[in-house]
Amino acid sequence: MGDEDKSAPLKQEILDKIAALVTAAFGLVAALAWNDTIKAVFKEIFGTADAIGPMLIYAIMVTIIAVILTIIVARAASRAKSS
């Protein structure tokens, strides 16, 4: 019975890690799609996608949004685990 007790948490941890990796992969694909879209919008607004100022603003905005969403997701996951 001892081996089965140890293997169940290991299987759960492996499944959790696989789920996290798959989620991250889908997130990367979505981010790349949005990256191209946002670059196209910036090009329409500012005339060129190569301008340093607009690209810096874009990078800062994306970073801020990513941090906020990461905090929200982490809090939701924490609440789900404690329930």
C-alpha atoms as a PDB file:
ATOM      1  CA  MET A   1       0.000   0.000   0.000  1.00  0.00           C
ATOM      2  CA  GLY A   2       2.940   2.358   0.606  1.00  0.00           C
ATOM      3  CA  ASP A   3       4.078   2.405  -3.019  1.00  0.00           C
ATOM      4  CA  GLU A   4       0.568   3.178  -4.278  1.00  0.00           C
ATOM      5  CA  ASP A   5       0.293   6.090  -1.829  1.00  0.00           C
ATOM      6  CA  LYS A   6       3.542   7.574  -3.153  1.00  0.00           C
ATOM      7  CA  SER A   7       2.752   7.034  -6.830  1.00  0.00           C
ATOM      8  CA  ALA A   8      -0.630   8.800  -6.695  1.00  0.00           C
ATOM      9  CA  PRO A   9       0.860  12.204  -5.719  1.00  0.00           C
ATOM     10  CA  LEU A  10       3.623  11.715  -8.309  1.00  0.00           C
ATOM     11  CA  LYS A  11       1.084  11.016 -11.053  1.00  0.00           C
ATOM     12  CA  GLN A  12      -0.916  14.073  -9.994  1.00  0.00           C
ATOM     13  CA  GLU A  13       2.204  16.226 -10.043  1.00  0.00           C
ATOM     14  CA  ILE A  14       3.131  14.950 -13.513  1.00  0.00           C
ATOM     15  CA  LEU A  15      -0.379  15.686 -14.782  1.00  0.00           C
ATOM     16  CA  ASP A  16      -0.233  19.165 -13.232  1.00  0.00           C
ATOM     17  CA  LYS A  17       3.098  19.882 -14.945  1.00  0.00           C
ATOM     18  CA  ILE A  18       1.881  18.585 -18.318  1.00  0.00           C
ATOM     19  CA  ALA A  19      -1.253  20.730 -18.022  1.00  0.00           C
ATOM     20  CA  ALA A  20       0.899  23.762 -17.199  1.00  0.00           C
ATOM     21  CA  LEU A  21       3.177  23.125 -20.191  1.00  0.00           C
ATOM     22  CA  VAL A  22       0.255  22.682 -22.586  1.00  0.00           C
ATOM     23  CA  THR A  23      -1.367  25.843 -21.249  1.00  0.00           C
ATOM     24  CA  ALA A  24       1.895  27.744 -21.673  1.00  0.00           C
ATOM     25  CA  ALA A  25       2.233  26.458 -25.241  1.00  0.00           C
ATOM     26  CA  PHE A  26      -1.254  27.653 -26.148  1.00  0.00           C
ATOM     27  CA  GLY A  27      -0.495  30.956 -24.461  1.00  0.00           C
ATOM     28  CA  LEU A  28       2.635  31.349 -26.569  1.00  0.00           C
ATOM     29  CA  VAL A  29       0.714  30.684 -29.779  1.00  0.00           C
ATOM     30  CA  ALA A  30      -1.940  33.231 -28.785  1.00  0.00           C
ATOM     31  CA  ALA A  31       0.729  35.760 -27.806  1.00  0.00           C
ATOM     32  CA  LEU A  32       2.468  35.408 -31.156  1.00  0.00           C
ATOM     33  CA  ALA A  33      -0.815  35.920 -32.983  1.00  0.00           C
ATOM     34  CA  TRP A  34      -1.610  39.006 -30.928  1.00  0.00           C
ATOM     35  CA  ASN A  35       1.941  40.271 -31.385  1.00  0.00           C
ATOM     36  CA  ASP A  36       1.516  40.366 -35.166  1.00  0.00           C
ATOM     37  CA  THR A  37      -1.916  41.955 -34.836  1.00  0.00           C
ATOM     38  CA  ILE A  38      -0.756  44.669 -32.456  1.00  0.00           C
ATOM     39  CA  LYS A  39       2.262  45.402 -34.659  1.00  0.00           C
ATOM     40  CA  ALA A  40      -0.074  45.866 -37.619  1.00  0.00           C
ATOM     41  CA  VAL A  41      -2.259  48.237 -35.582  1.00  0.00           C
ATOM     42  CA  PHE A  42       0.821  50.238 -34.516  1.00  0.00           C
ATOM     43  CA  LYS A  43       1.929  50.404 -38.138  1.00  0.00           C
ATOM     44  CA  GLU A  44      -1.480  51.798 -39.123  1.00  0.00           C
ATOM     45  CA  ILE A  45      -1.425  54.391 -36.338  1.00  0.00           C
ATOM     46  CA  PHE A  46       2.249  55.448 -36.364  1.00  0.00           C
ATOM     47  CA  GLY A  47       3.099  54.752 -40.006  1.00  0.00           C
ATOM     48  CA  THR A  48       5.933  52.313 -39.364  1.00  0.00           C
ATOM     49  CA  ALA A  49       6.400  49.336 -37.105  1.00  0.00           C
ATOM     50  CA  ASP A  50      10.127  50.070 -36.823  1.00  0.00           C
ATOM     51  CA  ALA A  51       9.787  53.295 -34.833  1.00  0.00           C
ATOM     52  CA  ILE A  52      11.534  52.962 -31.473  1.00  0.00           C
ATOM     53  CA  GLY A  53       9.044  55.041 -29.473  1.00  0.00           C
ATOM     54  CA  PRO A  54       5.908  53.126 -30.402  1.00  0.00           C
ATOM     55  CA  MET A  55       7.671  49.776 -30.034  1.00  0.00           C
ATOM     56  CA  LEU A  56       8.884  50.760 -26.570  1.00  0.00           C
ATOM     57  CA  ILE A  57       5.346  51.763 -25.577  1.00  0.00           C
ATOM     58  CA  TYR A  58       4.077  48.471 -26.998  1.00  0.00           C
ATOM     59  CA  ALA A  59       6.634  46.446 -25.016  1.00  0.00           C
ATOM     60  CA  ILE A  60       5.826  48.266 -21.784  1.00  0.00           C
ATOM     61  CA  MET A  61       2.070  47.857 -22.284  1.00  0.00           C
ATOM     62  CA  VAL A  62       2.388  44.138 -23.029  1.00  0.00           C
ATOM     63  CA  THR A  63       4.628  43.636 -19.990  1.00  0.00           C
ATOM     64  CA  ILE A  64       2.203  45.424 -17.671  1.00  0.00           C
ATOM     65  CA  ILE A  65      -0.748  43.432 -19.016  1.00  0.00           C
ATOM     66  CA  ALA A  66       1.184  40.164 -18.686  1.00  0.00           C
ATOM     67  CA  VAL A  67       2.116  40.902 -15.060  1.00  0.00           C
ATOM     68  CA  ILE A  68      -1.457  41.841 -14.135  1.00  0.00           C
ATOM     69  CA  LEU A  69      -2.916  38.749 -15.811  1.00  0.00           C
ATOM     70  CA  THR A  70      -0.294  36.509 -14.194  1.00  0.00           C
ATOM     71  CA  ILE A  71      -1.219  37.855 -10.752  1.00  0.00           C
ATOM     72  CA  ILE A  72      -4.942  37.344 -11.437  1.00  0.00           C
ATOM     73  CA  VAL A  73      -4.416  33.773 -12.642  1.00  0.00           C
ATOM     74  CA  ALA A  74      -2.142  32.924  -9.690  1.00  0.00           C
ATOM     75  CA  ARG A  75      -4.724  34.248  -7.217  1.00  0.00           C
ATOM     76  CA  ALA A  76      -7.526  32.307  -8.911  1.00  0.00           C
ATOM     77  CA  ALA A  77      -5.445  29.116  -8.853  1.00  0.00           C
ATOM     78  CA  SER A  78      -4.631  29.663  -5.195  1.00  0.00           C
ATOM     79  CA  ARG A  79      -8.323  30.117  -4.345  1.00  0.00           C
ATOM     80  CA  ALA A  80      -9.248  27.007  -6.328  1.00  0.00           C
ATOM     81  CA  LYS A  81      -6.673  24.902  -4.494  1.00  0.00           C
ATOM     82  CA  SER A  82      -7.791  26.126  -1.066  1.00  0.00           C
ATOM     83  CA  SER A  83     -11.473  25.400  -1.777  1.00  0.00           C
END
